[in-house]
Amino acid sequence: MKFQVSTGYAVQILCCLHKNKKEVKNAQAIADEIKCSYSFIIKIMRQLRARGFLTAVQGRHGGYTLRVPVSQISFYDVFTCIEGKPKINYCPGNKKKLCSKKKKEKCEFHKFFCHLQENIILQLKEMKISDLADKMGDKVRKETG
């Protein structure tokens, strides 16, 4: 399973806004901080805002703030926001019509990969963005303190 680059940037955006607490931060400043193009950041932030994670503040000193604390946002939430629902249950027999997935008993490939997918989803739901954001903050404090 491989995350899209945009999912990684979405996590970085949330961590960046968490670090600034209630302070409004504009998209250009975020793009500069995480070293990503402004247009790509805007696209990702639109998705995060549509999902309800961000609030846009209008005006001359406008920008974005977190609407939801990162302690309430899981990696699964971000993944599905950017990429949709994960699907890794691949069966090589499916292309050759050898797979029995539509029959009463599923083939062993489907059983295995469905189980693996369920476990990965559970892990992603348990891991909160705050877990990473807090570790990043600890590292910065050690380096500057």
Protein backbone atom coordinates (compact mmCIF):
# COMPACT_ATOMS: atom_id res chain seq x y z
CA MET A 1 0.00 0.00 0.00
CA LYS A 2 1.42 3.33 -1.03
CA PHE A 3 0.03 6.71 0.01
CA GLN A 4 -0.23 9.45 -2.56
CA VAL A 5 2.11 12.41 -2.16
CA SER A 6 -0.93 14.63 -1.57
CA THR A 7 -1.88 12.56 1.50
CA GLY A 8 1.54 13.21 3.02
CA TYR A 9 1.19 16.93 2.33
CA ALA A 10 -2.29 16.91 3.88
CA VAL A 11 -0.83 15.49 7.09
CA GLN A 12 1.94 18.12 7.02
CA ILE A 13 -0.63 20.90 6.54
CA LEU A 14 -2.58 19.72 9.57
CA CYS A 15 0.61 19.48 11.66
CA CYS A 16 1.66 22.96 10.53
CA LEU A 17 -1.68 24.47 11.54
CA HIS A 18 -1.62 22.56 14.83
CA LYS A 19 1.78 24.05 15.62
CA ASN A 20 0.35 27.54 15.16
CA LYS A 21 -2.67 26.76 17.37
CA LYS A 22 -5.42 29.34 16.79
CA GLU A 23 -3.23 31.62 14.66
CA VAL A 24 -4.48 32.15 11.11
CA LYS A 25 -1.89 31.05 8.56
CA ASN A 26 -2.14 31.76 4.85
CA ALA A 27 -1.65 29.10 2.20
CA GLN A 28 1.56 30.64 0.84
CA ALA A 29 3.18 30.55 4.28
CA ILE A 30 2.15 26.91 4.67
CA ALA A 31 3.46 26.07 1.19
CA ASP A 32 6.79 27.74 2.02
CA GLU A 33 7.05 25.94 5.37
CA ILE A 34 6.44 22.46 3.98
CA LYS A 35 8.27 23.19 0.71
CA CYS A 36 5.44 22.52 -1.70
CA SER A 37 3.93 24.53 -4.54
CA TYR A 38 1.20 26.98 -3.65
CA SER A 39 -1.22 25.60 -6.27
CA PHE A 40 -0.83 22.04 -4.98
CA ILE A 41 -1.33 23.16 -1.37
CA ILE A 42 -4.51 25.04 -2.32
CA LYS A 43 -5.91 21.91 -3.99
CA ILE A 44 -5.23 19.80 -0.89
CA MET A 45 -6.53 22.46 1.50
CA ARG A 46 -9.77 22.64 -0.48
CA GLN A 47 -10.27 18.93 0.17
CA LEU A 48 -9.41 19.28 3.87
CA ARG A 49 -11.80 22.21 4.18
CA ALA A 50 -14.61 20.35 2.40
CA ARG A 51 -14.17 17.48 4.86
CA GLY A 52 -14.54 19.94 7.75
CA PHE A 53 -10.99 19.85 9.08
CA LEU A 54 -10.15 23.48 8.24
CA THR A 55 -11.80 26.87 8.47
CA ALA A 56 -11.01 29.57 5.93
CA VAL A 57 -10.71 33.11 7.26
CA GLN A 58 -11.46 35.80 4.67
CA GLY A 59 -9.88 39.22 4.44
CA ARG A 60 -6.54 40.92 4.20
CA HIS A 61 -5.04 38.85 7.02
CA GLY A 62 -6.98 35.75 6.08
CA GLY A 63 -5.84 32.21 5.85
CA TYR A 64 -6.68 28.92 7.51
CA THR A 65 -7.08 27.50 10.98
CA LEU A 66 -7.99 24.08 12.27
CA ARG A 67 -11.72 23.54 12.75
CA VAL A 68 -11.13 20.17 14.43
CA PRO A 69 -8.28 19.45 16.87
CA VAL A 70 -5.70 17.07 15.39
CA SER A 71 -6.31 14.78 18.37
CA GLN A 72 -9.70 14.05 16.77
CA ILE A 73 -8.39 13.47 13.23
CA SER A 74 -7.10 10.01 12.39
CA PHE A 75 -4.76 9.07 9.58
CA TYR A 76 -7.70 7.13 8.14
CA ASP A 77 -9.74 10.35 8.05
CA VAL A 78 -7.01 12.12 6.09
CA PHE A 79 -6.40 9.13 3.81
CA THR A 80 -10.08 8.85 2.86
CA CYS A 81 -10.36 12.62 2.46
CA ILE A 82 -7.56 12.69 -0.11
CA GLU A 83 -7.60 9.22 -1.68
CA GLY A 84 -11.01 7.71 -0.95
CA LYS A 85 -11.56 4.38 0.76
CA PRO A 86 -8.52 2.09 0.73
CA LYS A 87 -8.77 -1.06 -1.32
CA ILE A 88 -5.91 -3.50 -1.29
CA ASN A 89 -7.75 -6.80 -1.63
CA TYR A 90 -6.21 -7.87 -4.90
CA CYS A 91 -6.67 -11.33 -6.33
CA PRO A 92 -4.48 -12.44 -9.24
CA GLY A 93 -7.02 -15.12 -10.15
CA ASN A 94 -9.66 -12.49 -10.86
CA LYS A 95 -8.24 -11.58 -14.29
CA LYS A 96 -8.25 -15.20 -15.42
CA LYS A 97 -11.74 -15.84 -14.03
CA LEU A 98 -10.23 -18.31 -11.55
CA CYS A 99 -11.34 -16.40 -8.49
CA SER A 100 -14.34 -17.60 -6.55
CA LYS A 101 -15.03 -14.27 -4.81
CA LYS A 102 -18.64 -14.15 -6.00
CA LYS A 103 -19.36 -17.67 -4.82
CA LYS A 104 -20.34 -18.75 -1.34
CA GLU A 105 -16.76 -19.37 -0.20
CA LYS A 106 -14.16 -16.74 -1.03
CA CYS A 107 -10.80 -17.76 -2.44
CA GLU A 108 -7.81 -17.75 -0.10
CA PHE A 109 -6.31 -14.65 -1.75
CA HIS A 110 -9.44 -12.64 -0.99
CA LYS A 111 -9.65 -13.92 2.57
CA PHE A 112 -6.03 -13.01 3.19
CA PHE A 113 -6.11 -9.56 1.60
CA CYS A 114 -9.50 -8.64 3.09
CA HIS A 115 -8.14 -9.51 6.54
CA LEU A 116 -4.98 -7.50 5.88
CA GLN A 117 -7.02 -4.52 4.68
CA GLU A 118 -9.24 -4.62 7.77
CA ASN A 119 -6.16 -4.58 10.03
CA ILE A 120 -4.57 -1.68 8.16
CA ILE A 121 -7.79 0.33 8.38
CA LEU A 122 -8.02 -0.33 12.13
CA GLN A 123 -4.43 0.87 12.59
CA LEU A 124 -5.04 4.01 10.52
CA LYS A 125 -8.17 4.80 12.56
CA GLU A 126 -6.31 4.40 15.86
CA MET A 127 -3.41 6.67 14.87
CA LYS A 128 -4.20 10.36 15.32
CA ILE A 129 -2.51 13.27 13.57
CA SER A 130 -1.66 14.61 17.03
CA ASP A 131 0.61 11.56 17.58
CA LEU A 132 2.88 12.80 14.79
CA ALA A 133 2.38 16.52 15.43
CA ASP A 134 3.40 16.15 19.08
CA LYS A 135 6.52 14.19 18.15
CA MET A 136 7.46 16.84 15.60
CA GLY A 137 6.95 19.55 18.23
CA ASP A 138 9.12 17.66 20.74
CA LYS A 139 11.92 17.40 18.16
CA VAL A 140 11.77 21.14 17.39
CA ARG A 141 11.80 21.99 21.12
CA LYS A 142 14.87 19.79 21.67
CA GLU A 143 16.71 21.35 18.73
CA THR A 144 15.95 24.94 19.78
CA GLY A 145 15.83 24.49 23.56
